[in-house]
Amino acid sequence: MDKKDKKRLEVLQQKISKLQQLLAAAKKQPDDPADVPRLEKELAAAHAELTALKKG
């Protein structure tokens, strides 16, 4: 894994953390019903990319 991959890994982990917080908040206070599915989709995509990077 080179520097670029390691940096992308860090960025993805931060993005996943932020998305999880946003998703939890959206579930508690559903202002927009489209937010929860959109956030879940983004979170799944970020997890998939993270897994792909780890596999190498």
PDB file of N, CA and C in Angstrom:
ATOM      1  N   MET A   1       0.839  -1.173   0.000  1.00  0.00           N
ATOM      2  CA  MET A   1       0.000   0.000   0.000  1.00  0.00           C
ATOM      3  C   MET A   1       0.890   1.244   0.000  1.00  0.00           C
ATOM      4  N   ASP A   2       0.664   2.116  -0.959  1.00  0.00           N
ATOM      5  CA  ASP A   2       1.490   3.318  -1.028  1.00  0.00           C
ATOM      6  C   ASP A   2       0.829   4.476  -0.252  1.00  0.00           C
ATOM      7  N   LYS A   3       1.485   5.630  -0.262  1.00  0.00           N
ATOM      8  CA  LYS A   3       1.004   6.781   0.492  1.00  0.00           C
ATOM      9  C   LYS A   3      -0.393   7.219   0.046  1.00  0.00           C
ATOM     10  N   LYS A   4      -0.615   7.173  -1.234  1.00  0.00           N
ATOM     11  CA  LYS A   4      -1.902   7.607  -1.783  1.00  0.00           C
ATOM     12  C   LYS A   4      -3.035   6.719  -1.255  1.00  0.00           C
ATOM     13  N   ASP A   5      -2.810   5.413  -1.238  1.00  0.00           N
ATOM     14  CA  ASP A   5      -3.810   4.479  -0.730  1.00  0.00           C
ATOM     15  C   ASP A   5      -4.056   4.679   0.764  1.00  0.00           C
ATOM     16  N   LYS A   6      -2.991   4.911   1.515  1.00  0.00           N
ATOM     17  CA  LYS A   6      -3.129   5.125   2.954  1.00  0.00           C
ATOM     18  C   LYS A   6      -3.928   6.395   3.241  1.00  0.00           C
ATOM     19  N   LYS A   7      -3.653   7.445   2.472  1.00  0.00           N
ATOM     20  CA  LYS A   7      -4.380   8.700   2.640  1.00  0.00           C
ATOM     21  C   LYS A   7      -5.854   8.509   2.291  1.00  0.00           C
ATOM     22  N   ARG A   8      -6.146   7.781   1.218  1.00  0.00           N
ATOM     23  CA  ARG A   8      -7.522   7.520   0.815  1.00  0.00           C
ATOM     24  C   ARG A   8      -8.239   6.712   1.895  1.00  0.00           C
ATOM     25  N   LEU A   9      -7.517   5.782   2.521  1.00  0.00           N
ATOM     26  CA  LEU A   9      -8.066   4.977   3.608  1.00  0.00           C
ATOM     27  C   LEU A   9      -8.475   5.878   4.779  1.00  0.00           C
ATOM     28  N   GLU A  10      -7.609   6.818   5.144  1.00  0.00           N
ATOM     29  CA  GLU A  10      -7.905   7.756   6.224  1.00  0.00           C
ATOM     30  C   GLU A  10      -9.136   8.598   5.897  1.00  0.00           C
ATOM     31  N   VAL A  11      -9.180   9.112   4.669  1.00  0.00           N
ATOM     32  CA  VAL A  11     -10.289   9.952   4.242  1.00  0.00           C
ATOM     33  C   VAL A  11     -11.601   9.165   4.280  1.00  0.00           C
ATOM     34  N   LEU A  12     -11.561   7.936   3.816  1.00  0.00           N
ATOM     35  CA  LEU A  12     -12.765   7.099   3.830  1.00  0.00           C
ATOM     36  C   LEU A  12     -13.237   6.811   5.250  1.00  0.00           C
ATOM     37  N   GLN A  13     -12.306   6.562   6.149  1.00  0.00           N
ATOM     38  CA  GLN A  13     -12.683   6.293   7.538  1.00  0.00           C
ATOM     39  C   GLN A  13     -13.340   7.522   8.162  1.00  0.00           C
ATOM     40  N   GLN A  14     -12.827   8.703   7.854  1.00  0.00           N
ATOM     41  CA  GLN A  14     -13.421   9.935   8.363  1.00  0.00           C
ATOM     42  C   GLN A  14     -14.812  10.143   7.760  1.00  0.00           C
ATOM     43  N   LYS A  15     -14.934   9.858   6.470  1.00  0.00           N
ATOM     44  CA  LYS A  15     -16.216  10.017   5.780  1.00  0.00           C
ATOM     45  C   LYS A  15     -17.248   9.061   6.362  1.00  0.00           C
ATOM     46  N   ILE A  16     -16.850   7.818   6.627  1.00  0.00           N
ATOM     47  CA  ILE A  16     -17.756   6.821   7.206  1.00  0.00           C
ATOM     48  C   ILE A  16     -18.219   7.280   8.581  1.00  0.00           C
ATOM     49  N   SER A  17     -17.309   7.787   9.374  1.00  0.00           N
ATOM     50  CA  SER A  17     -17.655   8.261  10.709  1.00  0.00           C
ATOM     51  C   SER A  17     -18.678   9.399  10.627  1.00  0.00           C
ATOM     52  N   LYS A  18     -18.436  10.339   9.752  1.00  0.00           N
ATOM     53  CA  LYS A  18     -19.348  11.476   9.589  1.00  0.00           C
ATOM     54  C   LYS A  18     -20.712  11.014   9.077  1.00  0.00           C
ATOM     55  N   LEU A  19     -20.711  10.104   8.109  1.00  0.00           N
ATOM     56  CA  LEU A  19     -21.973   9.605   7.568  1.00  0.00           C
ATOM     57  C   LEU A  19     -22.782   8.858   8.625  1.00  0.00           C
ATOM     58  N   GLN A  20     -22.104   8.109   9.490  1.00  0.00           N
ATOM     59  CA  GLN A  20     -22.800   7.383  10.549  1.00  0.00           C
ATOM     60  C   GLN A  20     -23.478   8.357  11.512  1.00  0.00           C
ATOM     61  N   GLN A  21     -22.793   9.461  11.818  1.00  0.00           N
ATOM     62  CA  GLN A  21     -23.377  10.469  12.699  1.00  0.00           C
ATOM     63  C   GLN A  21     -24.581  11.133  12.035  1.00  0.00           C
ATOM     64  N   LEU A  22     -24.431  11.474  10.759  1.00  0.00           N
ATOM     65  CA  LEU A  22     -25.532  12.102  10.033  1.00  0.00           C
ATOM     66  C   LEU A  22     -26.732  11.169   9.921  1.00  0.00           C
ATOM     67  N   LEU A  23     -26.464   9.900   9.691  1.00  0.00           N
ATOM     68  CA  LEU A  23     -27.533   8.914   9.573  1.00  0.00           C
ATOM     69  C   LEU A  23     -28.284   8.768  10.897  1.00  0.00           C
ATOM     70  N   ALA A  24     -27.562   8.717  11.985  1.00  0.00           N
ATOM     71  CA  ALA A  24     -28.190   8.609  13.302  1.00  0.00           C
ATOM     72  C   ALA A  24     -29.071   9.830  13.568  1.00  0.00           C
ATOM     73  N   ALA A  25     -28.580  10.998  13.221  1.00  0.00           N
ATOM     74  CA  ALA A  25     -29.357  12.224  13.419  1.00  0.00           C
ATOM     75  C   ALA A  25     -30.583  12.246  12.509  1.00  0.00           C
ATOM     76  N   ALA A  26     -30.424  11.791  11.281  1.00  0.00           N
ATOM     77  CA  ALA A  26     -31.546  11.775  10.334  1.00  0.00           C
ATOM     78  C   ALA A  26     -32.625  10.801  10.781  1.00  0.00           C
ATOM     79  N   LYS A  27     -32.230   9.713  11.427  1.00  0.00           N
ATOM     80  CA  LYS A  27     -33.216   8.737  11.911  1.00  0.00           C
ATOM     81  C   LYS A  27     -33.969   9.283  13.124  1.00  0.00           C
ATOM     82  N   LYS A  28     -33.274  10.073  13.967  1.00  0.00           N
ATOM     83  CA  LYS A  28     -33.919  10.640  15.146  1.00  0.00           C
ATOM     84  C   LYS A  28     -34.905  11.746  14.758  1.00  0.00           C
ATOM     85  N   GLN A  29     -34.519  12.550  13.775  1.00  0.00           N
ATOM     86  CA  GLN A  29     -35.347  13.681  13.362  1.00  0.00           C
ATOM     87  C   GLN A  29     -35.499  13.676  11.844  1.00  0.00           C
ATOM     88  N   PRO A  30     -36.451  12.900  11.346  1.00  0.00           N
ATOM     89  CA  PRO A  30     -36.617  12.750   9.892  1.00  0.00           C
ATOM     90  C   PRO A  30     -37.285  13.968   9.237  1.00  0.00           C
ATOM     91  N   ASP A  31     -36.508  15.023   8.985  1.00  0.00           N
ATOM     92  CA  ASP A  31     -37.035  16.205   8.306  1.00  0.00           C
ATOM     93  C   ASP A  31     -37.352  15.892   6.850  1.00  0.00           C
ATOM     94  N   ASP A  32     -36.434  15.200   6.209  1.00  0.00           N
ATOM     95  CA  ASP A  32     -36.605  14.843   4.803  1.00  0.00           C
ATOM     96  C   ASP A  32     -36.571  13.326   4.693  1.00  0.00           C
ATOM     97  N   PRO A  33     -37.658  12.709   4.257  1.00  0.00           N
ATOM     98  CA  PRO A  33     -37.681  11.243   4.196  1.00  0.00           C
ATOM     99  C   PRO A  33     -36.667  10.639   3.224  1.00  0.00           C
ATOM    100  N   ALA A  34     -36.148  11.416   2.297  1.00  0.00           N
ATOM    101  CA  ALA A  34     -35.179  10.902   1.336  1.00  0.00           C
ATOM    102  C   ALA A  34     -33.763  10.871   1.911  1.00  0.00           C
ATOM    103  N   ASP A  35     -33.553  11.531   3.036  1.00  0.00           N
ATOM    104  CA  ASP A  35     -32.208  11.603   3.623  1.00  0.00           C
ATOM    105  C   ASP A  35     -31.691  10.244   4.078  1.00  0.00           C
ATOM    106  N   VAL A  36     -32.515   9.491   4.783  1.00  0.00           N
ATOM    107  CA  VAL A  36     -32.061   8.221   5.360  1.00  0.00           C
ATOM    108  C   VAL A  36     -31.602   7.246   4.272  1.00  0.00           C
ATOM    109  N   PRO A  37     -32.394   6.984   3.232  1.00  0.00           N
ATOM    110  CA  PRO A  37     -31.916   6.058   2.191  1.00  0.00           C
ATOM    111  C   PRO A  37     -30.672   6.571   1.459  1.00  0.00           C
ATOM    112  N   ARG A  38     -30.596   7.886   1.251  1.00  0.00           N
ATOM    113  CA  ARG A  38     -29.436   8.465   0.572  1.00  0.00           C
ATOM    114  C   ARG A  38     -28.174   8.274   1.415  1.00  0.00           C
ATOM    115  N   LEU A  39     -28.283   8.546   2.708  1.00  0.00           N
ATOM    116  CA  LEU A  39     -27.136   8.385   3.605  1.00  0.00           C
ATOM    117  C   LEU A  39     -26.723   6.922   3.715  1.00  0.00           C
ATOM    118  N   GLU A  40     -27.701   6.022   3.767  1.00  0.00           N
ATOM    119  CA  GLU A  40     -27.391   4.593   3.833  1.00  0.00           C
ATOM    120  C   GLU A  40     -26.667   4.141   2.571  1.00  0.00           C
ATOM    121  N   LYS A  41     -27.089   4.670   1.421  1.00  0.00           N
ATOM    122  CA  LYS A  41     -26.447   4.322   0.149  1.00  0.00           C
ATOM    123  C   LYS A  41     -24.998   4.830   0.118  1.00  0.00           C
ATOM    124  N   GLU A  42     -24.793   6.079   0.553  1.00  0.00           N
ATOM    125  CA  GLU A  42     -23.443   6.650   0.584  1.00  0.00           C
ATOM    126  C   GLU A  42     -22.548   5.865   1.544  1.00  0.00           C
ATOM    127  N   LEU A  43     -23.108   5.486   2.679  1.00  0.00           N
ATOM    128  CA  LEU A  43     -22.349   4.729   3.677  1.00  0.00           C
ATOM    129  C   LEU A  43     -21.943   3.365   3.128  1.00  0.00           C
ATOM    130  N   ALA A  44     -22.857   2.707   2.442  1.00  0.00           N
ATOM    131  CA  ALA A  44     -22.554   1.405   1.848  1.00  0.00           C
ATOM    132  C   ALA A  44     -21.467   1.532   0.782  1.00  0.00           C
ATOM    133  N   ALA A  45     -21.529   2.590  -0.019  1.00  0.00           N
ATOM    134  CA  ALA A  45     -20.519   2.803  -1.057  1.00  0.00           C
ATOM    135  C   ALA A  45     -19.147   3.058  -0.433  1.00  0.00           C
ATOM    136  N   ALA A  46     -19.120   3.832   0.630  1.00  0.00           N
ATOM    137  CA  ALA A  46     -17.853   4.117   1.311  1.00  0.00           C
ATOM    138  C   ALA A  46     -17.271   2.848   1.924  1.00  0.00           C
ATOM    139  N   HIS A  47     -18.131   2.026   2.526  1.00  0.00           N
ATOM    140  CA  HIS A  47     -17.664   0.753   3.090  1.00  0.00           C
ATOM    141  C   HIS A  47     -17.126  -0.162   1.992  1.00  0.00           C
ATOM    142  N   ALA A  48     -17.792  -0.190   0.861  1.00  0.00           N
ATOM    143  CA  ALA A  48     -17.344  -1.041  -0.243  1.00  0.00           C
ATOM    144  C   ALA A  48     -15.975  -0.589  -0.756  1.00  0.00           C
ATOM    145  N   GLU A  49     -15.788   0.717  -0.893  1.00  0.00           N
ATOM    146  CA  GLU A  49     -14.497   1.236  -1.364  1.00  0.00           C
ATOM    147  C   GLU A  49     -13.398   0.950  -0.346  1.00  0.00           C
ATOM    148  N   LEU A  50     -13.733   1.084   0.932  1.00  0.00           N
ATOM    149  CA  LEU A  50     -12.760   0.803   1.998  1.00  0.00           C
ATOM    150  C   LEU A  50     -12.333  -0.659   1.950  1.00  0.00           C
ATOM    151  N   THR A  51     -13.286  -1.538   1.776  1.00  0.00           N
ATOM    152  CA  THR A  51     -12.990  -2.973   1.694  1.00  0.00           C
ATOM    153  C   THR A  51     -12.117  -3.272   0.481  1.00  0.00           C
ATOM    154  N   ALA A  52     -12.429  -2.650  -0.645  1.00  0.00           N
ATOM    155  CA  ALA A  52     -11.652  -2.865  -1.855  1.00  0.00           C
ATOM    156  C   ALA A  52     -10.214  -2.384  -1.684  1.00  0.00           C
ATOM    157  N   LEU A  53     -10.037  -1.254  -1.003  1.00  0.00           N
ATOM    158  CA  LEU A  53      -8.682  -0.739  -0.763  1.00  0.00           C
ATOM    159  C   LEU A  53      -7.894  -1.664   0.156  1.00  0.00           C
ATOM    160  N   LYS A  54      -8.564  -2.194   1.158  1.00  0.00           N
ATOM    161  CA  LYS A  54      -7.879  -3.077   2.113  1.00  0.00           C
ATOM    162  C   LYS A  54      -7.457  -4.377   1.453  1.00  0.00           C
ATOM    163  N   LYS A  55      -8.266  -4.865   0.505  1.00  0.00           N
ATOM    164  CA  LYS A  55      -7.919  -6.101  -0.186  1.00  0.00           C
ATOM    165  C   LYS A  55      -6.733  -5.884  -1.120  1.00  0.00           C
ATOM    166  N   GLY A  56      -6.661  -4.676  -1.616  1.00  0.00           N
ATOM    167  CA  GLY A  56      -5.512  -4.322  -2.315  1.00  0.00           C
ATOM    168  C   GLY A  56      -5.253  -4.314  -3.687  1.00  0.00           C
TER     169      GLY A  56
END
